[in-house]
Amino acid sequence: MENSVVQIITGGLSNAVIVLLLAPLLQGVQRRITAIIQSRQGPPLLQPYFDLLKLLGKEDIESGDMPVMQR
């Protein structure tokens, strides 16, 4: 019983990780196909990953007296 529960949880977590890792790649493919349809070169396939890395590298900006309320 315990083994099957562990397998279900592990399988669910691995599926979630795979989806989160592949989603930007699929967005890159979609952008590339849209660009080809519009007779453009378009961004590189890995551009969404570059955008995510840039976003994660930015620091939080807090202003005012109550920055907790802004979150």
C-alpha atoms as a PDB file:
ATOM      1  CA  MET A   1       0.000   0.000   0.000  1.00  0.00           C
ATOM      2  CA  GLU A   2       2.752   2.459   0.976  1.00  0.00           C
ATOM      3  CA  ASN A   3       4.765   1.682  -2.144  1.00  0.00           C
ATOM      4  CA  SER A   4       1.881   2.513  -4.478  1.00  0.00           C
ATOM      5  CA  VAL A   5       1.222   5.821  -2.687  1.00  0.00           C
ATOM      6  CA  VAL A   6       4.880   6.775  -3.015  1.00  0.00           C
ATOM      7  CA  GLN A   7       4.817   5.844  -6.708  1.00  0.00           C
ATOM      8  CA  ILE A   8       1.706   7.958  -7.303  1.00  0.00           C
ATOM      9  CA  ILE A   9       3.217  10.981  -5.565  1.00  0.00           C
ATOM     10  CA  THR A  10       6.542  10.557  -7.368  1.00  0.00           C
ATOM     11  CA  GLY A  11       4.789  10.157 -10.708  1.00  0.00           C
ATOM     12  CA  GLY A  12       2.671  13.256 -10.143  1.00  0.00           C
ATOM     13  CA  LEU A  13       5.651  15.373  -9.126  1.00  0.00           C
ATOM     14  CA  SER A  14       7.714  14.180 -12.081  1.00  0.00           C
ATOM     15  CA  ASN A  15       4.868  15.002 -14.474  1.00  0.00           C
ATOM     16  CA  ALA A  16       4.580  18.496 -12.999  1.00  0.00           C
ATOM     17  CA  VAL A  17       8.326  19.083 -13.340  1.00  0.00           C
ATOM     18  CA  ILE A  18       8.334  17.874 -16.948  1.00  0.00           C
ATOM     19  CA  VAL A  19       5.422  20.148 -17.857  1.00  0.00           C
ATOM     20  CA  LEU A  20       7.062  23.159 -16.202  1.00  0.00           C
ATOM     21  CA  LEU A  21      10.336  22.508 -18.026  1.00  0.00           C
ATOM     22  CA  LEU A  22       8.750  21.950 -21.447  1.00  0.00           C
ATOM     23  CA  ALA A  23       6.232  24.818 -21.365  1.00  0.00           C
ATOM     24  CA  PRO A  24       8.764  27.524 -22.337  1.00  0.00           C
ATOM     25  CA  LEU A  25      10.085  25.345 -25.167  1.00  0.00           C
ATOM     26  CA  LEU A  26       6.593  24.918 -26.582  1.00  0.00           C
ATOM     27  CA  GLN A  27       6.043  28.672 -26.326  1.00  0.00           C
ATOM     28  CA  GLY A  28       9.279  29.160 -28.289  1.00  0.00           C
ATOM     29  CA  VAL A  29       8.037  26.769 -30.982  1.00  0.00           C
ATOM     30  CA  GLN A  30       4.745  28.655 -31.140  1.00  0.00           C
ATOM     31  CA  ARG A  31       6.550  31.996 -31.516  1.00  0.00           C
ATOM     32  CA  ARG A  32       8.771  30.571 -34.259  1.00  0.00           C
ATOM     33  CA  ILE A  33       5.816  29.136 -36.199  1.00  0.00           C
ATOM     34  CA  THR A  34       3.932  32.438 -35.905  1.00  0.00           C
ATOM     35  CA  ALA A  35       6.985  34.282 -37.219  1.00  0.00           C
ATOM     36  CA  ILE A  36       7.351  31.885 -40.154  1.00  0.00           C
ATOM     37  CA  ILE A  37       3.683  32.338 -41.047  1.00  0.00           C
ATOM     38  CA  GLN A  38       4.231  36.119 -41.017  1.00  0.00           C
ATOM     39  CA  SER A  39       7.391  35.781 -43.167  1.00  0.00           C
ATOM     40  CA  ARG A  40       9.712  36.802 -40.346  1.00  0.00           C
ATOM     41  CA  GLN A  41      12.721  35.117 -38.794  1.00  0.00           C
ATOM     42  CA  GLY A  42      11.398  35.268 -35.246  1.00  0.00           C
ATOM     43  CA  PRO A  43      13.134  34.764 -31.902  1.00  0.00           C
ATOM     44  CA  PRO A  44      15.320  31.762 -31.072  1.00  0.00           C
ATOM     45  CA  LEU A  45      13.531  28.679 -29.735  1.00  0.00           C
ATOM     46  CA  LEU A  46      15.151  29.095 -26.327  1.00  0.00           C
ATOM     47  CA  GLN A  47      14.123  32.761 -25.933  1.00  0.00           C
ATOM     48  CA  PRO A  48      11.454  31.992 -23.268  1.00  0.00           C
ATOM     49  CA  TYR A  49      14.144  30.326 -21.129  1.00  0.00           C
ATOM     50  CA  PHE A  50      16.369  33.403 -21.520  1.00  0.00           C
ATOM     51  CA  ASP A  51      13.429  35.620 -20.513  1.00  0.00           C
ATOM     52  CA  LEU A  52      12.796  33.502 -17.413  1.00  0.00           C
ATOM     53  CA  LEU A  53      16.441  33.635 -16.367  1.00  0.00           C
ATOM     54  CA  LYS A  54      16.479  37.406 -16.811  1.00  0.00           C
ATOM     55  CA  LEU A  55      13.269  37.769 -14.782  1.00  0.00           C
ATOM     56  CA  LEU A  56      14.583  35.559 -11.982  1.00  0.00           C
ATOM     57  CA  GLY A  57      17.799  37.593 -11.862  1.00  0.00           C
ATOM     58  CA  LYS A  58      16.029  40.877 -11.133  1.00  0.00           C
ATOM     59  CA  GLU A  59      15.781  42.118  -7.590  1.00  0.00           C
ATOM     60  CA  ASP A  60      12.532  42.996  -5.849  1.00  0.00           C
ATOM     61  CA  ILE A  61      11.641  46.657  -5.634  1.00  0.00           C
ATOM     62  CA  GLU A  62       9.920  47.701  -2.443  1.00  0.00           C
ATOM     63  CA  SER A  63       8.562  51.169  -1.970  1.00  0.00           C
ATOM     64  CA  GLY A  64       6.522  52.922   0.650  1.00  0.00           C
ATOM     65  CA  ASP A  65       5.936  52.183   4.278  1.00  0.00           C
ATOM     66  CA  MET A  66       4.115  48.863   3.853  1.00  0.00           C
ATOM     67  CA  PRO A  67       5.910  46.678   1.274  1.00  0.00           C
ATOM     68  CA  VAL A  68       4.155  43.581   2.699  1.00  0.00           C
ATOM     69  CA  MET A  69       0.816  44.977   1.529  1.00  0.00           C
ATOM     70  CA  GLN A  70       2.118  45.230  -2.038  1.00  0.00           C
ATOM     71  CA  ARG A  71       2.799  41.507  -2.233  1.00  0.00           C
END
